[in-house]
């Protein structure tokens, strides 16, 4: 799995795949943690293409947040579709993560 990654003003932006589930979770978790480890700890996860997440995928989000906070950073989520948003609300993760509709708003908030 190749994650799209870029850095803007010291903030890492990672575009997650269409399906984030058990089969890909360990690879995604390792890739995101490496990005966090090499960066500032400030991360935006772009969920524009993500239409399905299972519990392993949710664990990727949570472990990313834990890794970022160890570096005094944070993880913001953007472009969340209705299905993924409903799952985050069901699991109460919307109370843990900052969620934005667009990248510009997340960048302003994370700076």
Protein backbone atom coordinates (compact mmCIF):
# COMPACT_ATOMS: atom_id res chain seq x y z
CA UNK A 1 0.00 0.00 0.00
CA UNK A 2 1.36 3.38 -0.97
CA UNK A 3 -0.02 6.34 0.92
CA UNK A 4 0.10 9.74 -0.72
CA UNK A 5 2.19 11.98 1.53
CA UNK A 6 3.25 15.58 1.33
CA UNK A 7 4.43 18.22 3.76
CA UNK A 8 3.20 21.80 3.89
CA UNK A 9 4.62 24.31 6.39
CA UNK A 10 5.90 21.52 8.64
CA UNK A 11 2.57 19.70 8.66
CA UNK A 12 2.38 16.22 7.14
CA UNK A 13 -0.67 15.44 5.02
CA UNK A 14 -1.46 11.81 4.27
CA UNK A 15 -4.21 10.64 1.97
CA UNK A 16 -5.67 7.36 3.21
CA UNK A 17 -6.81 4.59 0.83
CA UNK A 18 -10.36 3.79 -0.23
CA UNK A 19 -10.59 0.88 2.20
CA UNK A 20 -8.76 0.91 5.52
CA UNK A 21 -9.25 -2.54 7.00
CA UNK A 22 -7.49 -5.46 8.62
CA UNK A 23 -5.67 -6.58 5.47
CA UNK A 24 -3.92 -3.20 5.13
CA UNK A 25 -4.00 -1.84 8.67
CA UNK A 26 -0.54 -2.92 9.83
CA UNK A 27 1.10 -1.52 6.69
CA UNK A 28 -0.83 1.74 6.97
CA UNK A 29 -0.07 2.03 10.69
CA UNK A 30 3.66 1.54 10.11
CA UNK A 31 3.74 4.04 7.24
CA UNK A 32 1.87 6.73 9.17
CA UNK A 33 3.98 6.20 12.30
CA UNK A 34 7.14 6.55 10.22
CA UNK A 35 5.86 9.81 8.76
CA UNK A 36 5.06 11.08 12.24
CA UNK A 37 8.44 9.95 13.55
CA UNK A 38 10.32 11.80 10.82
CA UNK A 39 8.12 14.90 10.99
CA UNK A 40 6.94 17.43 13.55
CA UNK A 41 4.10 15.31 14.92
CA UNK A 42 1.51 17.51 13.23
CA UNK A 43 -0.53 15.37 10.85
CA UNK A 44 -3.61 15.73 8.70
CA UNK A 45 -5.25 12.51 7.53
CA UNK A 46 -7.23 13.03 4.34
CA UNK A 47 -10.19 10.67 4.12
CA UNK A 48 -11.59 11.97 0.81
CA UNK A 49 -11.19 8.61 -0.92
CA UNK A 50 -11.91 6.46 2.13
CA UNK A 51 -15.32 4.81 1.90
CA UNK A 52 -14.85 1.90 4.32
CA UNK A 53 -13.06 1.54 7.66
CA UNK A 54 -13.25 -1.45 9.99
CA UNK A 55 -12.07 -1.67 13.59
CA UNK A 56 -8.47 -2.25 12.46
CA UNK A 57 -8.67 0.92 10.39
CA UNK A 58 -9.98 2.85 13.37
CA UNK A 59 -7.01 1.51 15.33
CA UNK A 60 -4.72 3.06 12.69
CA UNK A 61 -6.31 6.45 13.37
CA UNK A 62 -5.99 6.08 17.14
CA UNK A 63 -2.39 4.82 17.04
CA UNK A 64 -1.52 7.75 14.77
CA UNK A 65 -2.95 10.14 17.33
CA UNK A 66 -1.00 8.49 20.14
CA UNK A 67 2.26 8.70 18.16
CA UNK A 68 1.67 12.35 17.26
CA UNK A 69 0.88 13.35 20.84
CA UNK A 70 4.11 11.73 22.03
CA UNK A 71 5.82 14.37 19.88
CA UNK A 72 3.54 17.12 21.25
CA UNK A 73 1.65 17.06 17.96
CA UNK A 74 -1.87 16.21 16.92
CA UNK A 75 -3.85 14.49 14.17
CA UNK A 76 -6.69 16.21 12.35
CA UNK A 77 -9.08 14.45 9.98
CA UNK A 78 -10.40 16.04 6.78
CA UNK A 79 -12.82 15.27 3.94
CA UNK A 80 -14.68 12.64 5.90
CA UNK A 81 -17.57 11.06 3.98
CA UNK A 82 -20.93 10.33 5.56
CA UNK A 83 -20.29 6.60 6.11
CA UNK A 84 -16.94 7.11 7.81
CA UNK A 85 -18.30 10.06 9.80
CA UNK A 86 -21.20 7.92 11.04
CA UNK A 87 -18.75 5.25 12.21
CA UNK A 88 -16.63 7.86 14.01
CA UNK A 89 -19.74 9.20 15.73
CA UNK A 90 -20.90 5.70 16.65
CA UNK A 91 -17.52 4.94 18.23
CA UNK A 92 -17.32 8.45 19.76
CA UNK A 93 -14.02 9.13 17.99
CA UNK A 94 -15.46 12.45 16.83
CA UNK A 95 -14.91 13.58 20.44
CA UNK A 96 -11.22 12.65 20.24
CA UNK A 97 -10.26 13.99 16.81
CA UNK A 98 -10.62 17.44 15.32
CA UNK A 99 -12.57 16.96 12.08
CA UNK A 100 -12.58 19.52 9.27
CA UNK A 101 -14.35 19.71 5.93
CA UNK A 102 -11.34 21.12 4.09
CA UNK A 103 -7.57 21.14 4.23
CA UNK A 104 -7.18 24.91 4.56
CA UNK A 105 -9.21 25.01 7.78
CA UNK A 106 -7.26 22.10 9.26
CA UNK A 107 -3.93 23.72 8.35
CA UNK A 108 -4.96 27.01 10.01
CA UNK A 109 -6.06 25.20 13.17
CA UNK A 110 -2.97 22.99 13.40
CA UNK A 111 -0.42 25.80 13.00
